[in-house]
Amino acid sequence: MENARLWGRLIDRHHRVLSSETVEIESGDLDTAILELCRRFDIERPIQLPKHQREFESFNTTFFSKEHFTEPIPFYRFEIELIAPPGQHKDHPRLPIEDA
């Protein structure tokens, strides 16, 4: 996954974006990219379940809500989405960067 990025967003109860960051996915290491997003947002790493892996593999996006954190969180959900370079996203035609 060369030049792929991970887009993270903190969302409030009214579906407004509180904060947004993107990080490079180095050598296809998704876990490191998630850790970097958590560091930038100053939040703990969420508990990742098989559901999250399936959603990410199928749709290139998933989210974590308060049930996936061990401490209280000041947001409604933490969403992550893959941003692949043009031409590398054949199975999923929607590119978030093109929506902007």
N, C-alpha and C. Protein backbone atom coordinates (compact mmCIF):
# COMPACT_ATOMS: atom_id res chain seq x y z
N MET A 1 0.85 -1.18 0.00
CA MET A 1 0.00 0.00 0.00
C MET A 1 0.89 1.24 0.00
N GLU A 2 1.48 1.52 -1.12
CA GLU A 2 2.42 2.63 -1.23
C GLU A 2 1.68 3.97 -1.27
N ASN A 3 2.15 4.93 -0.48
CA ASN A 3 1.60 6.28 -0.40
C ASN A 3 0.16 6.33 0.12
N ALA A 4 -0.29 5.28 0.76
CA ALA A 4 -1.64 5.28 1.34
C ALA A 4 -1.60 6.07 2.65
N ARG A 5 -2.73 6.68 2.97
CA ARG A 5 -2.86 7.44 4.21
C ARG A 5 -4.08 6.97 4.97
N LEU A 6 -4.07 7.21 6.27
CA LEU A 6 -5.21 6.90 7.12
C LEU A 6 -5.78 8.22 7.61
N TRP A 7 -7.06 8.41 7.41
CA TRP A 7 -7.76 9.64 7.80
C TRP A 7 -8.54 9.34 9.07
N GLY A 8 -8.28 10.07 10.13
CA GLY A 8 -8.98 9.91 11.39
C GLY A 8 -9.79 11.14 11.72
N ARG A 9 -11.00 10.93 12.27
CA ARG A 9 -11.87 12.03 12.64
C ARG A 9 -12.51 11.75 14.00
N LEU A 10 -12.59 12.78 14.83
CA LEU A 10 -13.36 12.70 16.07
C LEU A 10 -14.68 13.39 15.78
N ILE A 11 -15.77 12.69 16.04
CA ILE A 11 -17.11 13.16 15.69
C ILE A 11 -17.94 13.36 16.96
N ASP A 12 -18.75 14.44 17.00
CA ASP A 12 -19.62 14.66 18.17
C ASP A 12 -20.99 14.04 17.93
N ARG A 13 -21.88 14.17 18.91
CA ARG A 13 -23.22 13.57 18.84
C ARG A 13 -24.07 14.11 17.69
N HIS A 14 -23.74 15.30 17.22
CA HIS A 14 -24.51 15.91 16.13
C HIS A 14 -23.83 15.68 14.78
N HIS A 15 -22.92 14.73 14.74
CA HIS A 15 -22.20 14.32 13.52
C HIS A 15 -21.32 15.42 12.95
N ARG A 16 -20.86 16.31 13.81
CA ARG A 16 -19.91 17.35 13.40
C ARG A 16 -18.49 16.86 13.67
N VAL A 17 -17.58 17.22 12.79
CA VAL A 17 -16.18 16.85 12.96
C VAL A 17 -15.54 17.78 13.97
N LEU A 18 -15.06 17.22 15.07
CA LEU A 18 -14.38 18.00 16.10
C LEU A 18 -12.91 18.18 15.75
N SER A 19 -12.31 17.14 15.18
CA SER A 19 -10.90 17.17 14.83
C SER A 19 -10.66 16.17 13.71
N SER A 20 -9.70 16.47 12.86
CA SER A 20 -9.41 15.60 11.73
C SER A 20 -7.90 15.60 11.48
N GLU A 21 -7.34 14.43 11.22
CA GLU A 21 -5.91 14.27 10.96
C GLU A 21 -5.72 13.18 9.92
N THR A 22 -4.63 13.26 9.17
CA THR A 22 -4.24 12.17 8.29
C THR A 22 -2.79 11.79 8.59
N VAL A 23 -2.49 10.51 8.47
CA VAL A 23 -1.13 10.02 8.68
C VAL A 23 -0.79 9.05 7.55
N GLU A 24 0.48 8.97 7.23
CA GLU A 24 0.97 8.02 6.23
C GLU A 24 0.94 6.61 6.83
N ILE A 25 0.62 5.63 6.01
CA ILE A 25 0.68 4.23 6.43
C ILE A 25 2.02 3.70 5.92
N GLU A 26 2.96 3.56 6.81
CA GLU A 26 4.31 3.11 6.46
C GLU A 26 4.34 1.60 6.31
N SER A 27 4.77 1.11 5.18
CA SER A 27 4.96 -0.33 4.91
C SER A 27 3.70 -1.14 5.19
N GLY A 28 2.53 -0.58 4.98
CA GLY A 28 1.27 -1.30 5.19
C GLY A 28 0.94 -1.57 6.64
N ASP A 29 1.61 -0.90 7.57
CA ASP A 29 1.41 -1.13 9.01
C ASP A 29 0.27 -0.26 9.54
N LEU A 30 -0.93 -0.79 9.49
CA LEU A 30 -2.13 -0.06 9.90
C LEU A 30 -2.13 0.23 11.40
N ASP A 31 -1.66 -0.71 12.21
CA ASP A 31 -1.65 -0.51 13.67
C ASP A 31 -0.81 0.69 14.08
N THR A 32 0.34 0.86 13.44
CA THR A 32 1.20 2.01 13.75
C THR A 32 0.51 3.31 13.34
N ALA A 33 -0.20 3.29 12.21
CA ALA A 33 -0.92 4.49 11.76
C ALA A 33 -2.03 4.85 12.74
N ILE A 34 -2.74 3.84 13.26
CA ILE A 34 -3.80 4.10 14.25
C ILE A 34 -3.20 4.68 15.52
N LEU A 35 -2.07 4.12 15.96
CA LEU A 35 -1.39 4.65 17.15
C LEU A 35 -0.98 6.10 16.96
N GLU A 36 -0.49 6.44 15.77
CA GLU A 36 -0.08 7.81 15.49
C GLU A 36 -1.29 8.75 15.52
N LEU A 37 -2.42 8.32 14.97
CA LEU A 37 -3.64 9.14 15.05
C LEU A 37 -4.05 9.37 16.50
N CYS A 38 -4.01 8.32 17.30
CA CYS A 38 -4.37 8.44 18.71
C CYS A 38 -3.43 9.41 19.43
N ARG A 39 -2.15 9.35 19.11
CA ARG A 39 -1.18 10.26 19.71
C ARG A 39 -1.50 11.71 19.32
N ARG A 40 -1.82 11.92 18.06
CA ARG A 40 -2.13 13.29 17.60
C ARG A 40 -3.42 13.82 18.22
N PHE A 41 -4.40 12.94 18.42
CA PHE A 41 -5.66 13.36 19.04
C PHE A 41 -5.57 13.38 20.56
N ASP A 42 -4.49 12.85 21.12
CA ASP A 42 -4.29 12.73 22.56
C ASP A 42 -5.41 11.90 23.19
N ILE A 43 -5.66 10.73 22.59
CA ILE A 43 -6.65 9.79 23.11
C ILE A 43 -5.97 8.43 23.28
N GLU A 44 -6.57 7.58 24.10
CA GLU A 44 -6.03 6.23 24.25
C GLU A 44 -6.37 5.41 23.01
N ARG A 45 -5.62 4.36 22.82
CA ARG A 45 -5.90 3.46 21.69
C ARG A 45 -7.18 2.69 21.97
N PRO A 46 -8.10 2.65 21.01
CA PRO A 46 -9.35 1.90 21.23
C PRO A 46 -9.11 0.39 21.16
N ILE A 47 -10.04 -0.35 21.72
CA ILE A 47 -10.02 -1.81 21.64
C ILE A 47 -10.49 -2.18 20.24
N GLN A 48 -9.65 -2.92 19.51
CA GLN A 48 -10.00 -3.33 18.16
C GLN A 48 -10.59 -4.73 18.18
N LEU A 49 -11.79 -4.87 17.65
CA LEU A 49 -12.49 -6.14 17.60
C LEU A 49 -12.46 -6.70 16.18
N PRO A 50 -12.77 -7.98 16.01
CA PRO A 50 -12.84 -8.55 14.66
C PRO A 50 -13.81 -7.78 13.75
N LYS A 51 -14.86 -7.20 14.33
CA LYS A 51 -15.82 -6.38 13.59
C LYS A 51 -15.11 -5.23 12.88
N HIS A 52 -14.18 -4.58 13.56
CA HIS A 52 -13.46 -3.45 12.98
C HIS A 52 -12.60 -3.91 11.81
N GLN A 53 -11.94 -5.04 11.96
CA GLN A 53 -11.10 -5.58 10.89
C GLN A 53 -11.95 -5.91 9.67
N ARG A 54 -13.10 -6.56 9.88
CA ARG A 54 -13.98 -6.91 8.76
C ARG A 54 -14.48 -5.67 8.04
N GLU A 55 -14.93 -4.66 8.81
CA GLU A 55 -15.42 -3.43 8.20
C GLU A 55 -14.33 -2.74 7.41
N PHE A 56 -13.12 -2.68 7.96
CA PHE A 56 -12.03 -2.00 7.29
C PHE A 56 -11.64 -2.73 6.01
N GLU A 57 -11.60 -4.07 6.06
CA GLU A 57 -11.26 -4.85 4.87
C GLU A 57 -12.33 -4.73 3.79
N SER A 58 -13.60 -4.66 4.18
CA SER A 58 -14.70 -4.59 3.22
C SER A 58 -14.95 -3.19 2.68
N PHE A 59 -14.87 -2.19 3.56
CA PHE A 59 -15.29 -0.83 3.18
C PHE A 59 -14.19 0.22 3.30
N ASN A 60 -13.00 -0.18 3.76
CA ASN A 60 -11.88 0.75 3.98
C ASN A 60 -12.22 1.83 5.01
N THR A 61 -13.15 1.56 5.89
CA THR A 61 -13.51 2.49 6.96
C THR A 61 -14.10 1.71 8.13
N THR A 62 -13.97 2.26 9.32
CA THR A 62 -14.61 1.72 10.51
C THR A 62 -14.64 2.82 11.56
N PHE A 63 -15.34 2.56 12.67
CA PHE A 63 -15.40 3.56 13.73
C PHE A 63 -15.35 2.89 15.10
N PHE A 64 -14.97 3.69 16.08
CA PHE A 64 -14.89 3.24 17.47
C PHE A 64 -15.75 4.18 18.31
N SER A 65 -16.61 3.63 19.15
CA SER A 65 -17.46 4.44 20.03
C SER A 65 -17.01 4.24 21.47
N LYS A 66 -17.76 4.82 22.42
CA LYS A 66 -17.33 4.79 23.83
C LYS A 66 -17.13 3.38 24.37
N GLU A 67 -17.83 2.39 23.80
CA GLU A 67 -17.67 1.01 24.25
C GLU A 67 -16.29 0.44 23.93
N HIS A 68 -15.58 1.07 23.02
CA HIS A 68 -14.28 0.58 22.59
C HIS A 68 -13.11 1.27 23.29
N PHE A 69 -13.43 2.09 24.30
CA PHE A 69 -12.40 2.77 25.07
C PHE A 69 -12.58 2.40 26.55
N THR A 70 -11.48 2.31 27.28
CA THR A 70 -11.56 1.94 28.70
C THR A 70 -11.75 3.17 29.59
N GLU A 71 -11.50 4.35 29.06
CA GLU A 71 -11.69 5.60 29.81
C GLU A 71 -12.80 6.41 29.14
N PRO A 72 -13.43 7.33 29.88
CA PRO A 72 -14.44 8.20 29.26
C PRO A 72 -13.82 9.03 28.13
N ILE A 73 -14.61 9.28 27.08
CA ILE A 73 -14.12 10.04 25.94
C ILE A 73 -14.97 11.30 25.75
N PRO A 74 -14.35 12.41 25.32
CA PRO A 74 -15.08 13.67 25.13
C PRO A 74 -15.65 13.83 23.72
N PHE A 75 -15.88 12.74 23.02
CA PHE A 75 -16.43 12.76 21.67
C PHE A 75 -17.36 11.57 21.53
N TYR A 76 -18.11 11.52 20.44
CA TYR A 76 -19.09 10.46 20.23
C TYR A 76 -18.47 9.23 19.57
N ARG A 77 -17.65 9.45 18.55
CA ARG A 77 -17.00 8.34 17.87
C ARG A 77 -15.70 8.77 17.20
N PHE A 78 -14.83 7.80 17.04
CA PHE A 78 -13.54 7.97 16.38
C PHE A 78 -13.62 7.17 15.09
N GLU A 79 -13.58 7.84 13.94
CA GLU A 79 -13.69 7.17 12.65
C GLU A 79 -12.33 7.14 11.97
N ILE A 80 -12.04 6.04 11.29
CA ILE A 80 -10.83 5.96 10.47
C ILE A 80 -11.24 5.52 9.07
N GLU A 81 -10.52 6.04 8.09
CA GLU A 81 -10.81 5.70 6.69
C GLU A 81 -9.52 5.71 5.89
N LEU A 82 -9.40 4.72 5.01
CA LEU A 82 -8.22 4.62 4.15
C LEU A 82 -8.34 5.61 3.00
N ILE A 83 -7.26 6.33 2.74
CA ILE A 83 -7.18 7.20 1.57
C ILE A 83 -6.07 6.61 0.70
N ALA A 84 -6.47 5.95 -0.36
CA ALA A 84 -5.49 5.32 -1.26
C ALA A 84 -5.20 6.25 -2.43
N PRO A 85 -4.01 6.18 -2.97
CA PRO A 85 -3.69 7.00 -4.14
C PRO A 85 -4.58 6.62 -5.32
N PRO A 86 -4.85 7.55 -6.22
CA PRO A 86 -5.66 7.24 -7.41
C PRO A 86 -5.06 6.05 -8.17
N GLY A 87 -5.92 5.17 -8.62
CA GLY A 87 -5.47 4.00 -9.36
C GLY A 87 -5.24 2.77 -8.50
N GLN A 88 -5.12 2.93 -7.19
CA GLN A 88 -4.90 1.79 -6.30
C GLN A 88 -6.15 1.41 -5.54
N HIS A 89 -7.25 2.00 -5.85
CA HIS A 89 -8.49 1.82 -5.08
C HIS A 89 -9.57 1.24 -5.98
N LYS A 90 -9.25 0.19 -6.73
CA LYS A 90 -10.15 -0.33 -7.76
C LYS A 90 -11.43 -0.95 -7.21
N ASP A 91 -11.37 -1.65 -6.09
CA ASP A 91 -12.56 -2.31 -5.56
C ASP A 91 -13.53 -1.33 -4.91
N HIS A 92 -13.04 -0.19 -4.50
CA HIS A 92 -13.86 0.81 -3.81
C HIS A 92 -13.71 2.13 -4.56
N PRO A 93 -14.66 2.46 -5.44
CA PRO A 93 -14.48 3.65 -6.28
C PRO A 93 -14.50 4.98 -5.53
N ARG A 94 -15.05 5.03 -4.33
CA ARG A 94 -15.13 6.29 -3.60
C ARG A 94 -13.81 6.61 -2.96
N LEU A 95 -13.25 7.76 -3.28
CA LEU A 95 -12.03 8.24 -2.65
C LEU A 95 -12.38 9.47 -1.84
N PRO A 96 -12.18 9.44 -0.52
CA PRO A 96 -12.55 10.58 0.32
C PRO A 96 -11.91 11.88 -0.12
N ILE A 97 -10.70 11.81 -0.62
CA ILE A 97 -10.01 13.03 -1.02
C ILE A 97 -10.73 13.68 -2.21
N GLU A 98 -11.40 12.89 -3.04
CA GLU A 98 -12.13 13.41 -4.18
C GLU A 98 -13.47 14.00 -3.76
N ASP A 99 -13.98 13.61 -2.58
CA ASP A 99 -15.24 14.15 -2.08
C ASP A 99 -15.09 15.57 -1.55
N ALA A 100 -13.87 15.93 -1.17
CA ALA A 100 -13.63 17.22 -0.55
C ALA A 100 -13.74 18.36 -1.55
